[in-house]
Amino acid sequence: MPRTGKGQAVNPDENMCERCGKRRATWHLTDFVDGKPVQKHFCDECYGEQEGAPSQVNEAFARLIAAVVPELKEMALRECPSCGLNYLEFRHTMRLGCANDYEAFDKPLEQLLQAIHGSARHGGKVPETAGEEEAIRSRVRALRRRQQAAIAEEDYEQAAELRDRIKELEERGLDAAEG
């Protein structure tokens, strides 16, 4: 009889599907009957024929995620209505399927971008060919967004400092345009 690496005897039938007995078991389930674990082994085909069996491995994975981290359930089951890409496939490939995916996955994408870049909003850089004037305008726009956030948080000292920096940059920009 074959043995495992730990020296235990292995029954060759253990790896066969217990329903059809023809194919190798790839699904190994543990149910609890009367409080005791009962293992069942199925091939892909027989497992798919069971009542309540997920039709795709992605669905099984989504259920696992939902069981372990319930707040991820909604994200895991979300799917783009246009291209059919689901969020788990996107996370696996890190490629979106179509332009509508940005709307279909809006909240999880925002969280992902926040985690990766520290912001869900693109700050960008100004190309060197755009010149100093465009760089100043871009910086002023960014400072105005920060100023609005400071006002919303009622941090008026920060908002005043940002106002002064904006004014200074705008004056520099006018000097550059005139010179």
C-alpha atoms as a PDB file:
ATOM      1  CA  MET A   1       0.000   0.000   0.000  1.00  0.00           C
ATOM      2  CA  PRO A   2       1.402   3.504  -0.850  1.00  0.00           C
ATOM      3  CA  ARG A   3       2.582   5.677   2.037  1.00  0.00           C
ATOM      4  CA  THR A   4       2.566   9.424   2.670  1.00  0.00           C
ATOM      5  CA  GLY A   5       5.647  11.396   3.646  1.00  0.00           C
ATOM      6  CA  LYS A   6       4.827  10.763   7.321  1.00  0.00           C
ATOM      7  CA  GLY A   7       4.830   6.992   6.894  1.00  0.00           C
ATOM      8  CA  GLN A   8       1.042   6.569   7.078  1.00  0.00           C
ATOM      9  CA  ALA A   9      -0.649   4.130   4.759  1.00  0.00           C
ATOM     10  CA  VAL A  10      -2.699   5.717   1.978  1.00  0.00           C
ATOM     11  CA  ASN A  11      -5.752   4.110   0.488  1.00  0.00           C
ATOM     12  CA  PRO A  12      -5.755   4.722  -3.302  1.00  0.00           C
ATOM     13  CA  ASP A  13      -9.579   4.900  -3.230  1.00  0.00           C
ATOM     14  CA  GLU A  14      -9.476   7.891  -0.854  1.00  0.00           C
ATOM     15  CA  ASN A  15      -8.616  10.207  -3.734  1.00  0.00           C
ATOM     16  CA  MET A  16     -11.475   8.961  -5.908  1.00  0.00           C
ATOM     17  CA  CYS A  17     -14.879  10.630  -6.109  1.00  0.00           C
ATOM     18  CA  GLU A  18     -17.222   8.877  -3.716  1.00  0.00           C
ATOM     19  CA  ARG A  19     -20.255   9.551  -5.931  1.00  0.00           C
ATOM     20  CA  CYS A  20     -19.083   8.256  -9.342  1.00  0.00           C
ATOM     21  CA  GLY A  21     -15.934   6.378  -8.312  1.00  0.00           C
ATOM     22  CA  LYS A  22     -14.438   7.119 -11.755  1.00  0.00           C
ATOM     23  CA  ARG A  23     -12.594  10.424 -11.405  1.00  0.00           C
ATOM     24  CA  ARG A  24     -10.105  11.850  -8.945  1.00  0.00           C
ATOM     25  CA  ALA A  25     -11.675  13.833  -6.092  1.00  0.00           C
ATOM     26  CA  THR A  26     -10.803  17.536  -6.228  1.00  0.00           C
ATOM     27  CA  TRP A  27     -13.404  18.768  -3.708  1.00  0.00           C
ATOM     28  CA  HIS A  28     -12.907  17.671  -0.115  1.00  0.00           C
ATOM     29  CA  LEU A  29     -15.725  18.738   2.191  1.00  0.00           C
ATOM     30  CA  THR A  30     -16.212  18.288   5.894  1.00  0.00           C
ATOM     31  CA  ASP A  31     -19.769  18.209   7.249  1.00  0.00           C
ATOM     32  CA  PHE A  32     -20.691  17.843  10.878  1.00  0.00           C
ATOM     33  CA  VAL A  33     -23.248  15.118  11.552  1.00  0.00           C
ATOM     34  CA  ASP A  34     -24.370  14.759  15.158  1.00  0.00           C
ATOM     35  CA  GLY A  35     -21.401  16.911  16.155  1.00  0.00           C
ATOM     36  CA  LYS A  36     -18.848  14.643  14.476  1.00  0.00           C
ATOM     37  CA  PRO A  37     -16.872  15.576  11.311  1.00  0.00           C
ATOM     38  CA  VAL A  38     -17.726  13.523   8.229  1.00  0.00           C
ATOM     39  CA  GLN A  39     -15.483  13.973   5.181  1.00  0.00           C
ATOM     40  CA  LYS A  40     -16.820  13.776   1.627  1.00  0.00           C
ATOM     41  CA  HIS A  41     -14.726  13.684  -1.550  1.00  0.00           C
ATOM     42  CA  PHE A  42     -16.073  14.632  -5.012  1.00  0.00           C
ATOM     43  CA  CYS A  43     -14.754  15.215  -8.522  1.00  0.00           C
ATOM     44  CA  ASP A  44     -15.557  18.568 -10.175  1.00  0.00           C
ATOM     45  CA  GLU A  45     -18.453  17.132 -12.177  1.00  0.00           C
ATOM     46  CA  CYS A  46     -20.182  15.403  -9.251  1.00  0.00           C
ATOM     47  CA  TYR A  47     -19.610  18.367  -6.960  1.00  0.00           C
ATOM     48  CA  GLY A  48     -21.253  20.673  -9.511  1.00  0.00           C
ATOM     49  CA  GLU A  49     -24.324  18.417  -9.603  1.00  0.00           C
ATOM     50  CA  GLN A  50     -24.898  18.731  -5.861  1.00  0.00           C
ATOM     51  CA  GLU A  51     -27.699  20.969  -4.668  1.00  0.00           C
ATOM     52  CA  GLY A  52     -26.337  24.352  -3.597  1.00  0.00           C
ATOM     53  CA  ALA A  53     -22.878  23.804  -5.099  1.00  0.00           C
ATOM     54  CA  PRO A  54     -21.317  26.994  -6.546  1.00  0.00           C
ATOM     55  CA  SER A  55     -21.103  26.887 -10.328  1.00  0.00           C
ATOM     56  CA  GLN A  56     -17.686  28.517 -10.430  1.00  0.00           C
ATOM     57  CA  VAL A  57     -14.601  28.440  -8.258  1.00  0.00           C
ATOM     58  CA  ASN A  58     -14.813  32.255  -8.008  1.00  0.00           C
ATOM     59  CA  GLU A  59     -18.193  31.917  -6.314  1.00  0.00           C
ATOM     60  CA  ALA A  60     -16.759  29.402  -3.854  1.00  0.00           C
ATOM     61  CA  PHE A  61     -13.910  31.811  -3.129  1.00  0.00           C
ATOM     62  CA  ALA A  62     -16.389  34.681  -2.719  1.00  0.00           C
ATOM     63  CA  ARG A  63     -18.318  32.623  -0.189  1.00  0.00           C
ATOM     64  CA  LEU A  64     -15.131  31.848   1.703  1.00  0.00           C
ATOM     65  CA  ILE A  65     -14.245  35.537   1.851  1.00  0.00           C
ATOM     66  CA  ALA A  66     -17.793  36.386   2.956  1.00  0.00           C
ATOM     67  CA  ALA A  67     -17.567  33.837   5.768  1.00  0.00           C
ATOM     68  CA  VAL A  68     -14.165  34.993   6.982  1.00  0.00           C
ATOM     69  CA  VAL A  69     -14.613  38.748   6.457  1.00  0.00           C
ATOM     70  CA  PRO A  70     -18.357  39.519   6.193  1.00  0.00           C
ATOM     71  CA  GLU A  71     -17.850  43.168   5.171  1.00  0.00           C
ATOM     72  CA  LEU A  72     -16.104  41.987   1.972  1.00  0.00           C
ATOM     73  CA  LYS A  73     -19.156  39.963   0.874  1.00  0.00           C
ATOM     74  CA  GLU A  74     -20.683  42.807  -1.152  1.00  0.00           C
ATOM     75  CA  MET A  75     -17.398  43.582  -2.904  1.00  0.00           C
ATOM     76  CA  ALA A  76     -16.653  39.927  -3.639  1.00  0.00           C
ATOM     77  CA  LEU A  77     -20.013  39.334  -5.343  1.00  0.00           C
ATOM     78  CA  ARG A  78     -20.104  42.627  -7.275  1.00  0.00           C
ATOM     79  CA  GLU A  79     -20.054  42.266 -11.074  1.00  0.00           C
ATOM     80  CA  CYS A  80     -19.959  44.732 -13.980  1.00  0.00           C
ATOM     81  CA  PRO A  81     -23.257  44.589 -15.895  1.00  0.00           C
ATOM     82  CA  SER A  82     -21.526  45.469 -19.179  1.00  0.00           C
ATOM     83  CA  CYS A  83     -18.523  43.134 -19.409  1.00  0.00           C
ATOM     84  CA  GLY A  84     -19.356  40.595 -16.677  1.00  0.00           C
ATOM     85  CA  LEU A  85     -16.053  41.059 -14.831  1.00  0.00           C
ATOM     86  CA  ASN A  86     -16.431  40.427 -11.119  1.00  0.00           C
ATOM     87  CA  TYR A  87     -14.414  42.164  -8.450  1.00  0.00           C
ATOM     88  CA  LEU A  88     -12.440  39.052  -7.492  1.00  0.00           C
ATOM     89  CA  GLU A  89     -11.308  38.592 -11.106  1.00  0.00           C
ATOM     90  CA  PHE A  90     -10.246  42.237 -11.192  1.00  0.00           C
ATOM     91  CA  ARG A  91      -8.231  41.850  -7.966  1.00  0.00           C
ATOM     92  CA  HIS A  92      -6.612  38.703  -9.358  1.00  0.00           C
ATOM     93  CA  THR A  93      -5.541  40.297 -12.663  1.00  0.00           C
ATOM     94  CA  MET A  94      -5.497  43.956 -11.526  1.00  0.00           C
ATOM     95  CA  ARG A  95      -7.008  44.846 -14.921  1.00  0.00           C
ATOM     96  CA  LEU A  96     -10.446  46.289 -15.519  1.00  0.00           C
ATOM     97  CA  GLY A  97     -12.570  44.902 -18.335  1.00  0.00           C
ATOM     98  CA  CYS A  98     -14.312  48.052 -19.600  1.00  0.00           C
ATOM     99  CA  ALA A  99     -14.956  51.711 -18.803  1.00  0.00           C
ATOM    100  CA  ASN A 100     -18.121  50.796 -16.869  1.00  0.00           C
ATOM    101  CA  ASP A 101     -16.031  48.906 -14.296  1.00  0.00           C
ATOM    102  CA  TYR A 102     -15.119  52.234 -12.705  1.00  0.00           C
ATOM    103  CA  GLU A 103     -18.783  52.693 -11.761  1.00  0.00           C
ATOM    104  CA  ALA A 104     -19.465  49.025 -10.989  1.00  0.00           C
ATOM    105  CA  PHE A 105     -16.525  48.873  -8.559  1.00  0.00           C
ATOM    106  CA  ASP A 106     -16.536  52.513  -7.423  1.00  0.00           C
ATOM    107  CA  LYS A 107     -16.332  51.981  -3.648  1.00  0.00           C
ATOM    108  CA  PRO A 108     -13.855  49.085  -3.634  1.00  0.00           C
ATOM    109  CA  LEU A 109     -11.672  50.869  -6.224  1.00  0.00           C
ATOM    110  CA  GLU A 110     -11.647  54.005  -4.100  1.00  0.00           C
ATOM    111  CA  GLN A 111     -10.589  51.971  -1.048  1.00  0.00           C
ATOM    112  CA  LEU A 112      -7.911  50.192  -3.084  1.00  0.00           C
ATOM    113  CA  LEU A 113      -6.482  53.446  -4.477  1.00  0.00           C
ATOM    114  CA  GLN A 114      -6.521  54.973  -0.992  1.00  0.00           C
ATOM    115  CA  ALA A 115      -4.586  51.981   0.358  1.00  0.00           C
ATOM    116  CA  ILE A 116      -2.046  51.951  -2.496  1.00  0.00           C
ATOM    117  CA  HIS A 117      -1.480  55.666  -3.127  1.00  0.00           C
ATOM    118  CA  GLY A 118      -2.689  57.288   0.081  1.00  0.00           C
ATOM    119  CA  SER A 119      -5.381  59.070  -1.912  1.00  0.00           C
ATOM    120  CA  ALA A 120      -8.215  58.120  -4.215  1.00  0.00           C
ATOM    121  CA  ARG A 121      -7.706  61.334  -6.176  1.00  0.00           C
ATOM    122  CA  HIS A 122      -4.937  61.720  -8.744  1.00  0.00           C
ATOM    123  CA  GLY A 123      -2.605  64.571  -7.812  1.00  0.00           C
ATOM    124  CA  GLY A 124      -0.427  64.192 -10.865  1.00  0.00           C
ATOM    125  CA  LYS A 125       2.530  66.196 -12.006  1.00  0.00           C
ATOM    126  CA  VAL A 126       2.770  68.937 -14.552  1.00  0.00           C
ATOM    127  CA  PRO A 127       4.856  68.068 -17.621  1.00  0.00           C
ATOM    128  CA  GLU A 128       8.075  70.083 -17.878  1.00  0.00           C
ATOM    129  CA  THR A 129       6.989  71.379 -21.282  1.00  0.00           C
ATOM    130  CA  ALA A 130       3.927  73.041 -19.711  1.00  0.00           C
ATOM    131  CA  GLY A 131       6.091  75.702 -18.157  1.00  0.00           C
ATOM    132  CA  GLU A 132       6.161  77.422 -14.793  1.00  0.00           C
ATOM    133  CA  GLU A 133       2.813  79.170 -15.236  1.00  0.00           C
ATOM    134  CA  GLU A 134       0.896  75.879 -15.584  1.00  0.00           C
ATOM    135  CA  ALA A 135       2.812  74.403 -12.656  1.00  0.00           C
ATOM    136  CA  ILE A 136       1.729  77.349 -10.490  1.00  0.00           C
ATOM    137  CA  ARG A 137      -1.920  76.984 -11.615  1.00  0.00           C
ATOM    138  CA  SER A 138      -1.829  73.293 -10.776  1.00  0.00           C
ATOM    139  CA  ARG A 139      -0.352  73.984  -7.336  1.00  0.00           C
ATOM    140  CA  VAL A 140      -2.992  76.676  -6.682  1.00  0.00           C
ATOM    141  CA  ARG A 141      -5.784  74.206  -7.551  1.00  0.00           C
ATOM    142  CA  ALA A 142      -4.346  71.666  -5.128  1.00  0.00           C
ATOM    143  CA  LEU A 143      -4.023  74.278  -2.370  1.00  0.00           C
ATOM    144  CA  ARG A 144      -7.623  75.421  -2.940  1.00  0.00           C
ATOM    145  CA  ARG A 145      -8.849  71.832  -2.490  1.00  0.00           C
ATOM    146  CA  ARG A 146      -6.877  71.601   0.764  1.00  0.00           C
ATOM    147  CA  GLN A 147      -8.267  74.980   1.821  1.00  0.00           C
ATOM    148  CA  GLN A 148     -11.852  73.807   1.206  1.00  0.00           C
ATOM    149  CA  ALA A 149     -11.173  70.670   3.256  1.00  0.00           C
ATOM    150  CA  ALA A 150      -9.747  72.793   6.097  1.00  0.00           C
ATOM    151  CA  ILE A 151     -12.835  75.018   6.039  1.00  0.00           C
ATOM    152  CA  ALA A 152     -15.109  71.960   6.082  1.00  0.00           C
ATOM    153  CA  GLU A 153     -13.222  70.699   9.142  1.00  0.00           C
ATOM    154  CA  GLU A 154     -13.467  74.196  10.674  1.00  0.00           C
ATOM    155  CA  ASP A 155      -9.667  74.470  10.802  1.00  0.00           C
ATOM    156  CA  TYR A 156      -9.660  78.178  10.026  1.00  0.00           C
ATOM    157  CA  GLU A 157      -5.999  78.747  10.918  1.00  0.00           C
ATOM    158  CA  GLN A 158      -4.931  76.158   8.341  1.00  0.00           C
ATOM    159  CA  ALA A 159      -7.389  77.665   5.825  1.00  0.00           C
ATOM    160  CA  ALA A 160      -5.883  81.132   6.365  1.00  0.00           C
ATOM    161  CA  GLU A 161      -2.333  79.815   5.886  1.00  0.00           C
ATOM    162  CA  LEU A 162      -3.408  78.125   2.658  1.00  0.00           C
ATOM    163  CA  ARG A 163      -5.133  81.353   1.512  1.00  0.00           C
ATOM    164  CA  ASP A 164      -1.862  83.240   2.009  1.00  0.00           C
ATOM    165  CA  ARG A 165       0.118  80.597   0.091  1.00  0.00           C
ATOM    166  CA  ILE A 166      -2.434  80.710  -2.746  1.00  0.00           C
ATOM    167  CA  LYS A 167      -2.185  84.509  -2.917  1.00  0.00           C
ATOM    168  CA  GLU A 168       1.621  84.325  -2.973  1.00  0.00           C
ATOM    169  CA  LEU A 169       1.618  81.737  -5.774  1.00  0.00           C
ATOM    170  CA  GLU A 170      -0.923  83.699  -7.825  1.00  0.00           C
ATOM    171  CA  GLU A 171       1.220  86.821  -7.562  1.00  0.00           C
ATOM    172  CA  ARG A 172       4.288  84.799  -8.664  1.00  0.00           C
ATOM    173  CA  GLY A 173       2.285  83.451 -11.574  1.00  0.00           C
ATOM    174  CA  LEU A 174       1.308  86.945 -12.710  1.00  0.00           C
ATOM    175  CA  ASP A 175       4.935  88.067 -12.467  1.00  0.00           C
ATOM    176  CA  ALA A 176       6.025  85.082 -14.577  1.00  0.00           C
ATOM    177  CA  ALA A 177       3.349  85.804 -17.211  1.00  0.00           C
ATOM    178  CA  GLU A 178       4.353  89.464 -17.459  1.00  0.00           C
ATOM    179  CA  GLY A 179       8.104  88.751 -17.523  1.00  0.00           C
END
